Amino acid sequence: MTTLLETRYRTVLRLLPAYYRREREDEMVEVYLWGLDRDTQDQHRPTLGETASVAALAIRSRLAATGAPRRYLLLGATARTFALFAVLLQAAAVLVERVLVLAYATTHGSAAWRMFLAGFTGGGPLDQVAAVAQWVLPLLWTAAFLALAHDRRRLARSCALLAALPTLWPLARPLIGDTLTIEPWSTTASLLFTWLTVLALGAAYHRDAPAAVLPVGTPGLVLATCAVATGAAAVLMGGLSDPASAPATCFVVAAVGRLLTRAHGAERLSAGGAAALAALGLLLLAVRVSALWPWLDLPLPAAYLGGALGQIAALALLVPVFGVIARRDLAAPR
């Protein structure tokens, strides 16, 4: 006869995918009930720690690396590829933005330098701390990428989480003091890009997942190449690129490169890789459009407007291309 506690455990285990339950559910229930008096089992419930452990296992088993049905293997590969490239894009974007700002502040006289320092000294103590954090913490995206590329997963997750925290400031500031004016669509898109990256990194690179592997080159060379590409694009856009410009440029360059290598018979892009690039491109398209939209009523410089519209057009073309590639590869023989 099934006890109420066993029923409760089986209910919690329904969080796991069906293939995993078929193989291990009875064994797990037996372990949970081990040592408990059958007459008193109905007085117990699954603990919070046990439920959290099952929830974490449910994520790992759905983002599987080995021994799972093909759809879960592809989902895991997609999430890992998405996380790797999303971290890379944000690391390159932050490096380029910081270098360009410092270059301008140090080469355009004392007035430009005072304006740069005013960003950290204006307002109250809380605003000053927030300004320093917003400048320093995003640099940890670089540490997160390098740590991930060298299979230091816990360090990569910690650095990415800290790097993402400043994006919450526009939401937190109105709750503790003065109102901070934000553009809702742009802020929402940026938050999605940042925190989906953090979530994918934390969930997909679990202890059973393979190490991150870059398609070409070493981590330092890949990061430097992305930084140079985004920096060159910013210069061509008249130095007026916004935070959405750098990752969009880097993605377009990398995506076109992958399509060219595929066309010339190089290593085939996996279905998981194509799906990841399609998802990442769609997210970047939303970020790029939402960042440009509020400024379209202003007389924008032609170089900046042309560059932004070119990025949008390229992203809008690449997303369905990778979507078609992913669909074809998914339908290909195993």
C-alpha atoms as a PDB file:
ATOM      1  CA  MET A   1       0.000   0.000   0.000  1.00  0.00           C
ATOM      2  CA  THR A   2       1.339   3.382  -0.985  1.00  0.00           C
ATOM      3  CA  THR A   3       1.762   5.829   1.871  1.00  0.00           C
ATOM      4  CA  LEU A   4       0.947   9.519   1.689  1.00  0.00           C
ATOM      5  CA  LEU A   5       4.646  10.413   2.012  1.00  0.00           C
ATOM      6  CA  GLU A   6       5.550   8.199  -0.948  1.00  0.00           C
ATOM      7  CA  THR A   7       2.835   9.883  -2.985  1.00  0.00           C
ATOM      8  CA  ARG A   8       4.257  13.287  -2.025  1.00  0.00           C
ATOM      9  CA  TYR A   9       7.755  12.260  -3.072  1.00  0.00           C
ATOM     10  CA  ARG A  10       6.503  10.940  -6.392  1.00  0.00           C
ATOM     11  CA  THR A  11       4.677  14.216  -6.945  1.00  0.00           C
ATOM     12  CA  VAL A  12       7.921  16.139  -6.420  1.00  0.00           C
ATOM     13  CA  LEU A  13       9.765  13.749  -8.736  1.00  0.00           C
ATOM     14  CA  ARG A  14       7.341  14.611 -11.518  1.00  0.00           C
ATOM     15  CA  LEU A  15       9.547  17.663 -12.015  1.00  0.00           C
ATOM     16  CA  LEU A  16      12.014  15.273 -13.658  1.00  0.00           C
ATOM     17  CA  PRO A  17      11.669  14.379 -17.348  1.00  0.00           C
ATOM     18  CA  ALA A  18       9.898  11.111 -18.132  1.00  0.00           C
ATOM     19  CA  TYR A  19      13.030   9.282 -19.337  1.00  0.00           C
ATOM     20  CA  TYR A  20      14.788   9.988 -16.043  1.00  0.00           C
ATOM     21  CA  ARG A  21      11.817   8.925 -13.925  1.00  0.00           C
ATOM     22  CA  ARG A  22      11.494   5.648 -15.781  1.00  0.00           C
ATOM     23  CA  GLU A  23      15.069   4.743 -14.927  1.00  0.00           C
ATOM     24  CA  ARG A  24      15.459   6.055 -11.380  1.00  0.00           C
ATOM     25  CA  GLU A  25      12.146   7.061  -9.775  1.00  0.00           C
ATOM     26  CA  ASP A  26      11.603   3.865  -7.740  1.00  0.00           C
ATOM     27  CA  GLU A  27      15.198   3.866  -6.568  1.00  0.00           C
ATOM     28  CA  MET A  28      15.014   7.512  -5.492  1.00  0.00           C
ATOM     29  CA  VAL A  29      11.753   6.992  -3.601  1.00  0.00           C
ATOM     30  CA  GLU A  30      13.282   4.026  -1.808  1.00  0.00           C
ATOM     31  CA  VAL A  31      16.240   6.135  -0.741  1.00  0.00           C
ATOM     32  CA  TYR A  32      13.991   8.944   0.504  1.00  0.00           C
ATOM     33  CA  LEU A  33      11.866   6.519   2.567  1.00  0.00           C
ATOM     34  CA  TRP A  34      14.826   4.569   3.951  1.00  0.00           C
ATOM     35  CA  GLY A  35      14.843   4.400   7.740  1.00  0.00           C
ATOM     36  CA  LEU A  36      11.405   5.970   8.220  1.00  0.00           C
ATOM     37  CA  ASP A  37       8.795   4.059  10.191  1.00  0.00           C
ATOM     38  CA  ARG A  38       5.961   3.199   7.817  1.00  0.00           C
ATOM     39  CA  ASP A  39       3.378   3.959  10.494  1.00  0.00           C
ATOM     40  CA  THR A  40       4.640   7.533  10.882  1.00  0.00           C
ATOM     41  CA  GLN A  41       5.451   8.338   7.260  1.00  0.00           C
ATOM     42  CA  ASP A  42       2.217  10.255   6.731  1.00  0.00           C
ATOM     43  CA  GLN A  43       3.407  12.790   9.318  1.00  0.00           C
ATOM     44  CA  HIS A  44       6.347  13.802   7.116  1.00  0.00           C
ATOM     45  CA  ARG A  45       6.736  15.845   3.946  1.00  0.00           C
ATOM     46  CA  PRO A  46       9.600  16.270   1.465  1.00  0.00           C
ATOM     47  CA  THR A  47      11.982  18.862   2.874  1.00  0.00           C
ATOM     48  CA  LEU A  48      12.742  22.139   1.119  1.00  0.00           C
ATOM     49  CA  GLY A  49      16.293  20.939   0.493  1.00  0.00           C
ATOM     50  CA  GLU A  50      15.060  17.721  -1.129  1.00  0.00           C
ATOM     51  CA  THR A  51      12.640  19.637  -3.347  1.00  0.00           C
ATOM     52  CA  ALA A  52      15.360  22.101  -4.387  1.00  0.00           C
ATOM     53  CA  SER A  53      17.704  19.204  -5.139  1.00  0.00           C
ATOM     54  CA  VAL A  54      15.093  17.556  -7.374  1.00  0.00           C
ATOM     55  CA  ALA A  55      14.443  20.881  -9.143  1.00  0.00           C
ATOM     56  CA  ALA A  56      18.176  21.292  -9.848  1.00  0.00           C
ATOM     57  CA  LEU A  57      18.348  17.718 -11.103  1.00  0.00           C
ATOM     58  CA  ALA A  58      15.356  18.401 -13.346  1.00  0.00           C
ATOM     59  CA  ILE A  59      17.250  21.253 -14.991  1.00  0.00           C
ATOM     60  CA  ARG A  60      20.437  19.204 -15.407  1.00  0.00           C
ATOM     61  CA  SER A  61      18.571  16.230 -16.874  1.00  0.00           C
ATOM     62  CA  ARG A  62      16.739  18.441 -19.376  1.00  0.00           C
ATOM     63  CA  LEU A  63      19.991  20.167 -20.390  1.00  0.00           C
ATOM     64  CA  ALA A  64      21.710  16.825 -20.662  1.00  0.00           C
ATOM     65  CA  ALA A  65      25.101  15.990 -22.113  1.00  0.00           C
ATOM     66  CA  THR A  66      25.021  12.181 -22.270  1.00  0.00           C
ATOM     67  CA  GLY A  67      22.606   9.307 -21.847  1.00  0.00           C
ATOM     68  CA  ALA A  68      19.418  11.250 -22.620  1.00  0.00           C
ATOM     69  CA  PRO A  69      16.984  11.320 -25.570  1.00  0.00           C
ATOM     70  CA  ARG A  70      18.193  13.381 -28.512  1.00  0.00           C
ATOM     71  CA  ARG A  71      15.917  16.346 -27.868  1.00  0.00           C
ATOM     72  CA  TYR A  72      17.391  16.850 -24.396  1.00  0.00           C
ATOM     73  CA  LEU A  73      20.938  16.484 -25.699  1.00  0.00           C
ATOM     74  CA  LEU A  74      20.209  19.148 -28.321  1.00  0.00           C
ATOM     75  CA  LEU A  75      18.569  21.413 -25.756  1.00  0.00           C
ATOM     76  CA  GLY A  76      21.630  21.139 -23.531  1.00  0.00           C
ATOM     77  CA  ALA A  77      24.012  21.822 -26.423  1.00  0.00           C
ATOM     78  CA  THR A  78      21.922  24.827 -27.466  1.00  0.00           C
ATOM     79  CA  ALA A  79      21.920  26.306 -23.963  1.00  0.00           C
ATOM     80  CA  ARG A  80      25.688  25.832 -23.570  1.00  0.00           C
ATOM     81  CA  THR A  81      26.457  27.415 -26.936  1.00  0.00           C
ATOM     82  CA  PHE A  82      24.089  30.303 -26.187  1.00  0.00           C
ATOM     83  CA  ALA A  83      25.740  30.909 -22.800  1.00  0.00           C
ATOM     84  CA  LEU A  84      29.286  30.784 -24.189  1.00  0.00           C
ATOM     85  CA  PHE A  85      28.672  33.268 -26.990  1.00  0.00           C
ATOM     86  CA  ALA A  86      26.441  35.552 -24.913  1.00  0.00           C
ATOM     87  CA  VAL A  87      29.150  35.865 -22.257  1.00  0.00           C
ATOM     88  CA  LEU A  88      31.730  36.526 -24.986  1.00  0.00           C
ATOM     89  CA  LEU A  89      29.622  39.271 -26.581  1.00  0.00           C
ATOM     90  CA  GLN A  90      29.072  41.059 -23.294  1.00  0.00           C
ATOM     91  CA  ALA A  91      32.735  40.803 -22.342  1.00  0.00           C
ATOM     92  CA  ALA A  92      33.819  42.319 -25.668  1.00  0.00           C
ATOM     93  CA  ALA A  93      31.147  45.031 -25.476  1.00  0.00           C
ATOM     94  CA  VAL A  94      32.205  46.158 -22.001  1.00  0.00           C
ATOM     95  CA  LEU A  95      35.904  46.208 -22.891  1.00  0.00           C
ATOM     96  CA  VAL A  96      35.293  48.312 -25.999  1.00  0.00           C
ATOM     97  CA  GLU A  97      32.985  50.753 -24.220  1.00  0.00           C
ATOM     98  CA  ARG A  98      35.413  51.270 -21.329  1.00  0.00           C
ATOM     99  CA  VAL A  99      38.416  51.745 -23.623  1.00  0.00           C
ATOM    100  CA  LEU A 100      36.606  54.250 -25.836  1.00  0.00           C
ATOM    101  CA  VAL A 101      35.357  56.271 -22.867  1.00  0.00           C
ATOM    102  CA  LEU A 102      38.804  56.377 -21.267  1.00  0.00           C
ATOM    103  CA  ALA A 103      40.437  57.249 -24.586  1.00  0.00           C
ATOM    104  CA  TYR A 104      38.069  60.179 -25.066  1.00  0.00           C
ATOM    105  CA  ALA A 105      38.428  61.403 -21.485  1.00  0.00           C
ATOM    106  CA  THR A 106      42.228  61.353 -21.588  1.00  0.00           C
ATOM    107  CA  THR A 107      42.734  62.837 -25.055  1.00  0.00           C
ATOM    108  CA  HIS A 108      40.212  65.710 -25.144  1.00  0.00           C
ATOM    109  CA  GLY A 109      41.559  67.986 -22.486  1.00  0.00           C
ATOM    110  CA  SER A 110      40.859  68.631 -18.830  1.00  0.00           C
ATOM    111  CA  ALA A 111      37.178  69.408 -19.414  1.00  0.00           C
ATOM    112  CA  ALA A 112      36.555  65.912 -20.769  1.00  0.00           C
ATOM    113  CA  TRP A 113      38.439  64.383 -17.823  1.00  0.00           C
ATOM    114  CA  ARG A 114      36.445  66.417 -15.297  1.00  0.00           C
ATOM    115  CA  MET A 115      33.233  65.328 -16.991  1.00  0.00           C
ATOM    116  CA  PHE A 116      34.345  61.703 -16.718  1.00  0.00           C
ATOM    117  CA  LEU A 117      35.135  62.056 -13.005  1.00  0.00           C
ATOM    118  CA  ALA A 118      31.833  63.875 -12.397  1.00  0.00           C
ATOM    119  CA  GLY A 119      30.059  60.669 -13.254  1.00  0.00           C
ATOM    120  CA  PHE A 120      31.528  59.130 -10.078  1.00  0.00           C
ATOM    121  CA  THR A 121      31.443  62.145  -7.761  1.00  0.00           C
ATOM    122  CA  GLY A 122      28.041  63.650  -8.497  1.00  0.00           C
ATOM    123  CA  GLY A 123      25.017  62.956  -6.302  1.00  0.00           C
ATOM    124  CA  GLY A 124      24.933  61.416  -2.861  1.00  0.00           C
ATOM    125  CA  PRO A 125      27.052  58.587  -1.429  1.00  0.00           C
ATOM    126  CA  LEU A 126      24.656  55.933  -2.721  1.00  0.00           C
ATOM    127  CA  ASP A 127      24.808  57.327  -6.241  1.00  0.00           C
ATOM    128  CA  GLN A 128      28.605  57.424  -6.092  1.00  0.00           C
ATOM    129  CA  VAL A 129      28.825  53.799  -4.966  1.00  0.00           C
ATOM    130  CA  ALA A 130      26.360  52.790  -7.696  1.00  0.00           C
ATOM    131  CA  ALA A 131      28.366  54.677 -10.342  1.00  0.00           C
ATOM    132  CA  VAL A 132      31.600  52.923  -9.357  1.00  0.00           C
ATOM    133  CA  ALA A 133      29.853  49.541  -9.304  1.00  0.00           C
ATOM    134  CA  GLN A 134      28.306  50.171 -12.723  1.00  0.00           C
ATOM    135  CA  TRP A 135      31.750  50.964 -14.102  1.00  0.00           C
ATOM    136  CA  VAL A 136      33.752  48.181 -12.442  1.00  0.00           C
ATOM    137  CA  LEU A 137      31.466  45.157 -12.062  1.00  0.00           C
ATOM    138  CA  PRO A 138      30.619  44.687 -15.778  1.00  0.00           C
ATOM    139  CA  LEU A 139      34.336  44.168 -16.429  1.00  0.00           C
ATOM    140  CA  LEU A 140      33.842  40.794 -14.733  1.00  0.00           C
ATOM    141  CA  TRP A 141      32.190  39.580 -17.944  1.00  0.00           C
ATOM    142  CA  THR A 142      35.739  39.227 -19.246  1.00  0.00           C
ATOM    143  CA  ALA A 143      36.733  37.179 -16.222  1.00  0.00           C
ATOM    144  CA  ALA A 144      33.588  35.066 -16.641  1.00  0.00           C
ATOM    145  CA  PHE A 145      34.410  34.306 -20.281  1.00  0.00           C
ATOM    146  CA  LEU A 146      38.040  33.416 -19.611  1.00  0.00           C
ATOM    147  CA  ALA A 147      37.053  31.281 -16.612  1.00  0.00           C
ATOM    148  CA  LEU A 148      34.422  29.454 -18.656  1.00  0.00           C
ATOM    149  CA  ALA A 149      36.847  28.883 -21.529  1.00  0.00           C
ATOM    150  CA  HIS A 150      39.302  27.319 -19.046  1.00  0.00           C
ATOM    151  CA  ASP A 151      36.550  25.187 -17.445  1.00  0.00           C
ATOM    152  CA  ARG A 152      36.437  27.107 -14.162  1.00  0.00           C
ATOM    153  CA  ARG A 153      32.659  26.910 -14.009  1.00  0.00           C
ATOM    154  CA  ARG A 154      32.012  28.080 -10.468  1.00  0.00           C
ATOM    155  CA  LEU A 155      34.244  31.113 -10.987  1.00  0.00           C
ATOM    156  CA  ALA A 156      32.539  31.849 -14.319  1.00  0.00           C
ATOM    157  CA  ARG A 157      29.086  31.726 -12.730  1.00  0.00           C
ATOM    158  CA  SER A 158      30.126  33.983  -9.847  1.00  0.00           C
ATOM    159  CA  CYS A 159      31.747  36.561 -12.128  1.00  0.00           C
ATOM    160  CA  ALA A 160      28.757  36.617 -14.481  1.00  0.00           C
ATOM    161  CA  LEU A 161      26.340  37.120 -11.598  1.00  0.00           C
ATOM    162  CA  LEU A 162      28.352  40.044 -10.226  1.00  0.00           C
ATOM    163  CA  ALA A 163      28.758  41.540 -13.699  1.00  0.00           C
ATOM    164  CA  ALA A 164      24.988  41.461 -14.228  1.00  0.00           C
ATOM    165  CA  LEU A 165      24.035  43.129 -10.954  1.00  0.00           C
ATOM    166  CA  PRO A 166      24.408  46.760 -12.198  1.00  0.00           C
ATOM    167  CA  THR A 167      21.609  46.169 -14.711  1.00  0.00           C
ATOM    168  CA  LEU A 168      19.193  46.020 -11.775  1.00  0.00           C
ATOM    169  CA  TRP A 169      20.041  49.553 -10.615  1.00  0.00           C
ATOM    170  CA  PRO A 170      17.482  51.326 -12.874  1.00  0.00           C
ATOM    171  CA  LEU A 171      14.800  49.171 -11.233  1.00  0.00           C
ATOM    172  CA  ALA A 172      16.092  49.479  -7.671  1.00  0.00           C
ATOM    173  CA  ARG A 173      16.847  53.217  -7.625  1.00  0.00           C
ATOM    174  CA  PRO A 174      13.214  54.442  -7.669  1.00  0.00           C
ATOM    175  CA  LEU A 175      12.440  52.177  -4.703  1.00  0.00           C
ATOM    176  CA  ILE A 176      15.000  53.794  -2.417  1.00  0.00           C
ATOM    177  CA  GLY A 177      14.923  57.457  -3.354  1.00  0.00           C
ATOM    178  CA  ASP A 178      14.717  59.753  -6.330  1.00  0.00           C
ATOM    179  CA  THR A 179      12.976  58.639  -9.479  1.00  0.00           C
ATOM    180  CA  LEU A 180      15.329  57.500 -12.213  1.00  0.00           C
ATOM    181  CA  THR A 181      14.020  57.968 -15.737  1.00  0.00           C
ATOM    182  CA  ILE A 182      14.352  54.806 -17.808  1.00  0.00           C
ATOM    183  CA  GLU A 183      13.242  53.697 -21.238  1.00  0.00           C
ATOM    184  CA  PRO A 184      11.033  50.659 -20.476  1.00  0.00           C
ATOM    185  CA  TRP A 185      11.497  48.719 -23.718  1.00  0.00           C
ATOM    186  CA  SER A 186      15.245  49.219 -23.871  1.00  0.00           C
ATOM    187  CA  THR A 187      15.678  48.389 -20.186  1.00  0.00           C
ATOM    188  CA  THR A 188      13.551  45.250 -20.471  1.00  0.00           C
ATOM    189  CA  ALA A 189      15.427  43.976 -23.528  1.00  0.00           C
ATOM    190  CA  SER A 190      18.803  44.611 -21.897  1.00  0.00           C
ATOM    191  CA  LEU A 191      17.711  42.867 -18.704  1.00  0.00           C
ATOM    192  CA  LEU A 192      16.531  39.849 -20.704  1.00  0.00           C
ATOM    193  CA  PHE A 193      19.828  39.628 -22.579  1.00  0.00           C
ATOM    194  CA  THR A 194      21.904  39.926 -19.414  1.00  0.00           C
ATOM    195  CA  TRP A 195      19.949  37.661 -17.096  1.00  0.00           C
ATOM    196  CA  LEU A 196      19.154  34.990 -19.678  1.00  0.00           C
ATOM    197  CA  THR A 197      22.918  34.786 -20.141  1.00  0.00           C
ATOM    198  CA  VAL A 198      23.418  34.322 -16.397  1.00  0.00           C
ATOM    199  CA  LEU A 199      20.655  31.716 -16.175  1.00  0.00           C
ATOM    200  CA  ALA A 200      21.893  29.776 -19.201  1.00  0.00           C
ATOM    201  CA  LEU A 201      25.437  29.792 -17.858  1.00  0.00           C
ATOM    202  CA  GLY A 202      24.357  28.550 -14.450  1.00  0.00           C
ATOM    203  CA  ALA A 203      21.965  25.904 -15.731  1.00  0.00           C
ATOM    204  CA  ALA A 204      23.710  24.535 -18.819  1.00  0.00           C
ATOM    205  CA  TYR A 205      27.248  24.211 -17.472  1.00  0.00           C
ATOM    206  CA  HIS A 206      26.342  21.805 -14.687  1.00  0.00           C
ATOM    207  CA  ARG A 207      28.775  19.251 -13.290  1.00  0.00           C
ATOM    208  CA  ASP A 208      27.917  16.634 -15.930  1.00  0.00           C
ATOM    209  CA  ALA A 209      28.240  19.006 -18.902  1.00  0.00           C
ATOM    210  CA  PRO A 210      31.298  18.986 -21.171  1.00  0.00           C
ATOM    211  CA  ALA A 211      33.810  21.814 -21.065  1.00  0.00           C
ATOM    212  CA  ALA A 212      33.168  24.879 -23.211  1.00  0.00           C
ATOM    213  CA  VAL A 213      34.916  24.691 -26.581  1.00  0.00           C
ATOM    214  CA  LEU A 214      35.393  27.624 -28.935  1.00  0.00           C
ATOM    215  CA  PRO A 215      34.950  26.922 -32.661  1.00  0.00           C
ATOM    216  CA  VAL A 216      38.306  28.519 -33.518  1.00  0.00           C
ATOM    217  CA  GLY A 217      41.295  30.099 -31.804  1.00  0.00           C
ATOM    218  CA  THR A 218      42.260  30.591 -28.190  1.00  0.00           C
ATOM    219  CA  PRO A 219      40.037  32.424 -25.667  1.00  0.00           C
ATOM    220  CA  GLY A 220      42.292  35.485 -25.602  1.00  0.00           C
ATOM    221  CA  LEU A 221      42.507  35.691 -29.379  1.00  0.00           C
ATOM    222  CA  VAL A 222      38.750  35.300 -29.821  1.00  0.00           C
ATOM    223  CA  LEU A 223      38.021  37.974 -27.208  1.00  0.00           C
ATOM    224  CA  ALA A 224      40.568  40.346 -28.753  1.00  0.00           C
ATOM    225  CA  THR A 225      39.131  39.795 -32.232  1.00  0.00           C
ATOM    226  CA  CYS A 226      35.604  40.558 -31.040  1.00  0.00           C
ATOM    227  CA  ALA A 227      36.834  43.667 -29.231  1.00  0.00           C
ATOM    228  CA  VAL A 228      38.668  44.946 -32.318  1.00  0.00           C
ATOM    229  CA  ALA A 229      35.641  44.309 -34.535  1.00  0.00           C
ATOM    230  CA  THR A 230      33.263  46.118 -32.195  1.00  0.00           C
ATOM    231  CA  GLY A 231      35.715  48.957 -31.645  1.00  0.00           C
ATOM    232  CA  ALA A 232      36.141  49.457 -35.381  1.00  0.00           C
ATOM    233  CA  ALA A 233      32.378  49.516 -35.852  1.00  0.00           C
ATOM    234  CA  ALA A 234      32.022  52.112 -33.093  1.00  0.00           C
ATOM    235  CA  VAL A 235      34.607  54.333 -34.776  1.00  0.00           C
ATOM    236  CA  LEU A 236      32.854  53.991 -38.140  1.00  0.00           C
ATOM    237  CA  MET A 237      29.587  54.998 -36.474  1.00  0.00           C
ATOM    238  CA  GLY A 238      31.153  58.264 -35.420  1.00  0.00           C
ATOM    239  CA  GLY A 239      31.936  57.206 -31.859  1.00  0.00           C
ATOM    240  CA  LEU A 240      28.256  57.443 -30.936  1.00  0.00           C
ATOM    241  CA  SER A 241      27.520  53.740 -30.566  1.00  0.00           C
ATOM    242  CA  ASP A 242      25.193  52.785 -27.744  1.00  0.00           C
ATOM    243  CA  PRO A 243      25.513  49.696 -25.486  1.00  0.00           C
ATOM    244  CA  ALA A 244      23.518  47.620 -27.981  1.00  0.00           C
ATOM    245  CA  SER A 245      25.897  48.320 -30.848  1.00  0.00           C
ATOM    246  CA  ALA A 246      28.933  46.341 -29.708  1.00  0.00           C
ATOM    247  CA  PRO A 247      27.287  42.939 -29.144  1.00  0.00           C
ATOM    248  CA  ALA A 248      25.248  43.330 -32.339  1.00  0.00           C
ATOM    249  CA  THR A 249      28.392  44.026 -34.377  1.00  0.00           C
ATOM    250  CA  CYS A 250      30.307  41.154 -32.811  1.00  0.00           C
ATOM    251  CA  PHE A 251      27.433  38.745 -33.440  1.00  0.00           C
ATOM    252  CA  VAL A 252      27.070  39.758 -37.079  1.00  0.00           C
ATOM    253  CA  VAL A 253      30.804  39.324 -37.737  1.00  0.00           C
ATOM    254  CA  ALA A 254      30.944  35.947 -35.970  1.00  0.00           C
ATOM    255  CA  ALA A 255      27.727  34.671 -37.573  1.00  0.00           C
ATOM    256  CA  VAL A 256      28.831  35.612 -41.077  1.00  0.00           C
ATOM    257  CA  GLY A 257      32.169  33.915 -40.402  1.00  0.00           C
ATOM    258  CA  ARG A 258      30.419  30.701 -39.366  1.00  0.00           C
ATOM    259  CA  LEU A 259      28.237  30.768 -42.475  1.00  0.00           C
ATOM    260  CA  LEU A 260      31.288  31.239 -44.703  1.00  0.00           C
ATOM    261  CA  THR A 261      33.162  28.343 -43.093  1.00  0.00           C
ATOM    262  CA  ARG A 262      30.069  26.178 -43.467  1.00  0.00           C
ATOM    263  CA  ALA A 263      29.716  27.133 -47.125  1.00  0.00           C
ATOM    264  CA  HIS A 264      33.344  26.154 -47.792  1.00  0.00           C
ATOM    265  CA  GLY A 265      32.877  22.678 -46.352  1.00  0.00           C
ATOM    266  CA  ALA A 266      34.422  23.312 -42.947  1.00  0.00           C
ATOM    267  CA  GLU A 267      33.164  21.694 -39.779  1.00  0.00           C
ATOM    268  CA  ARG A 268      29.389  21.532 -39.811  1.00  0.00           C
ATOM    269  CA  LEU A 269      27.570  23.734 -37.355  1.00  0.00           C
ATOM    270  CA  SER A 270      25.590  21.486 -35.055  1.00  0.00           C
ATOM    271  CA  ALA A 271      21.839  21.766 -34.724  1.00  0.00           C
ATOM    272  CA  GLY A 272      22.336  22.976 -31.170  1.00  0.00           C
ATOM    273  CA  GLY A 273      24.818  25.600 -32.336  1.00  0.00           C
ATOM    274  CA  ALA A 274      22.561  26.891 -35.093  1.00  0.00           C
ATOM    275  CA  ALA A 275      19.579  27.069 -32.752  1.00  0.00           C
ATOM    276  CA  ALA A 276      21.674  28.910 -30.165  1.00  0.00           C
ATOM    277  CA  LEU A 277      22.803  31.483 -32.714  1.00  0.00           C
ATOM    278  CA  ALA A 278      19.235  31.951 -33.911  1.00  0.00           C
ATOM    279  CA  ALA A 279      18.017  32.550 -30.338  1.00  0.00           C
ATOM    280  CA  LEU A 280      20.926  34.844 -29.519  1.00  0.00           C
ATOM    281  CA  GLY A 281      20.443  36.818 -32.719  1.00  0.00           C
ATOM    282  CA  LEU A 282      16.730  37.260 -32.037  1.00  0.00           C
ATOM    283  CA  LEU A 283      17.480  38.541 -28.547  1.00  0.00           C
ATOM    284  CA  LEU A 284      20.118  40.944 -29.864  1.00  0.00           C
ATOM    285  CA  LEU A 285      17.694  42.161 -32.515  1.00  0.00           C
ATOM    286  CA  ALA A 286      15.231  43.084 -29.775  1.00  0.00           C
ATOM    287  CA  VAL A 287      17.998  44.867 -27.831  1.00  0.00           C
ATOM    288  CA  ARG A 288      19.195  46.727 -30.933  1.00  0.00           C
ATOM    289  CA  VAL A 289      15.713  47.889 -32.005  1.00  0.00           C
ATOM    290  CA  SER A 290      14.647  48.930 -28.497  1.00  0.00           C
ATOM    291  CA  ALA A 291      17.863  50.936 -28.014  1.00  0.00           C
ATOM    292  CA  LEU A 292      17.435  52.850 -31.278  1.00  0.00           C
ATOM    293  CA  TRP A 293      13.673  53.378 -31.234  1.00  0.00           C
ATOM    294  CA  PRO A 294      13.468  56.231 -28.641  1.00  0.00           C
ATOM    295  CA  TRP A 295      16.006  58.322 -30.604  1.00  0.00           C
ATOM    296  CA  LEU A 296      14.484  58.134 -34.073  1.00  0.00           C
ATOM    297  CA  ASP A 297      12.683  61.460 -33.609  1.00  0.00           C
ATOM    298  CA  LEU A 298      16.016  63.249 -33.088  1.00  0.00           C
ATOM    299  CA  PRO A 299      18.406  64.436 -35.833  1.00  0.00           C
ATOM    300  CA  LEU A 300      20.887  61.571 -35.479  1.00  0.00           C
ATOM    301  CA  PRO A 301      24.238  61.625 -37.319  1.00  0.00           C
ATOM    302  CA  ALA A 302      24.059  59.748 -40.611  1.00  0.00           C
ATOM    303  CA  ALA A 303      26.972  57.444 -39.687  1.00  0.00           C
ATOM    304  CA  TYR A 304      25.334  56.333 -36.459  1.00  0.00           C
ATOM    305  CA  LEU A 305      21.852  55.928 -37.930  1.00  0.00           C
ATOM    306  CA  GLY A 306      23.148  54.073 -40.969  1.00  0.00           C
ATOM    307  CA  GLY A 307      25.256  51.759 -38.818  1.00  0.00           C
ATOM    308  CA  ALA A 308      22.373  50.994 -36.459  1.00  0.00           C
ATOM    309  CA  LEU A 309      19.938  50.309 -39.295  1.00  0.00           C
ATOM    310  CA  GLY A 310      22.573  48.127 -40.973  1.00  0.00           C
ATOM    311  CA  GLN A 311      22.936  46.090 -37.794  1.00  0.00           C
ATOM    312  CA  ILE A 312      19.175  45.655 -37.581  1.00  0.00           C
ATOM    313  CA  ALA A 313      18.986  44.536 -41.202  1.00  0.00           C
ATOM    314  CA  ALA A 314      21.840  42.058 -40.766  1.00  0.00           C
ATOM    315  CA  LEU A 315      20.335  40.592 -37.593  1.00  0.00           C
ATOM    316  CA  ALA A 316      16.907  40.338 -39.194  1.00  0.00           C
ATOM    317  CA  LEU A 317      18.462  38.364 -42.059  1.00  0.00           C
ATOM    318  CA  LEU A 318      20.751  36.118 -39.991  1.00  0.00           C
ATOM    319  CA  VAL A 319      18.133  34.997 -37.462  1.00  0.00           C
ATOM    320  CA  PRO A 320      15.894  33.162 -39.968  1.00  0.00           C
ATOM    321  CA  VAL A 321      18.958  31.802 -41.787  1.00  0.00           C
ATOM    322  CA  PHE A 322      20.202  30.097 -38.624  1.00  0.00           C
ATOM    323  CA  GLY A 323      16.657  29.043 -37.827  1.00  0.00           C
ATOM    324  CA  VAL A 324      16.454  27.219 -41.171  1.00  0.00           C
ATOM    325  CA  ILE A 325      19.881  25.625 -40.609  1.00  0.00           C
ATOM    326  CA  ALA A 326      18.836  24.426 -37.164  1.00  0.00           C
ATOM    327  CA  ARG A 327      15.609  22.947 -38.525  1.00  0.00           C
ATOM    328  CA  ARG A 328      17.411  21.123 -41.327  1.00  0.00           C
ATOM    329  CA  ASP A 329      20.091  19.761 -39.012  1.00  0.00           C
ATOM    330  CA  LEU A 330      17.470  18.595 -36.539  1.00  0.00           C
ATOM    331  CA  ALA A 331      15.722  16.689 -39.314  1.00  0.00           C
ATOM    332  CA  ALA A 332      18.976  15.191 -40.617  1.00  0.00           C
ATOM    333  CA  PRO A 333      19.765  11.507 -39.891  1.00  0.00           C
ATOM    334  CA  ARG A 334      21.408  10.977 -36.521  1.00  0.00           C
END
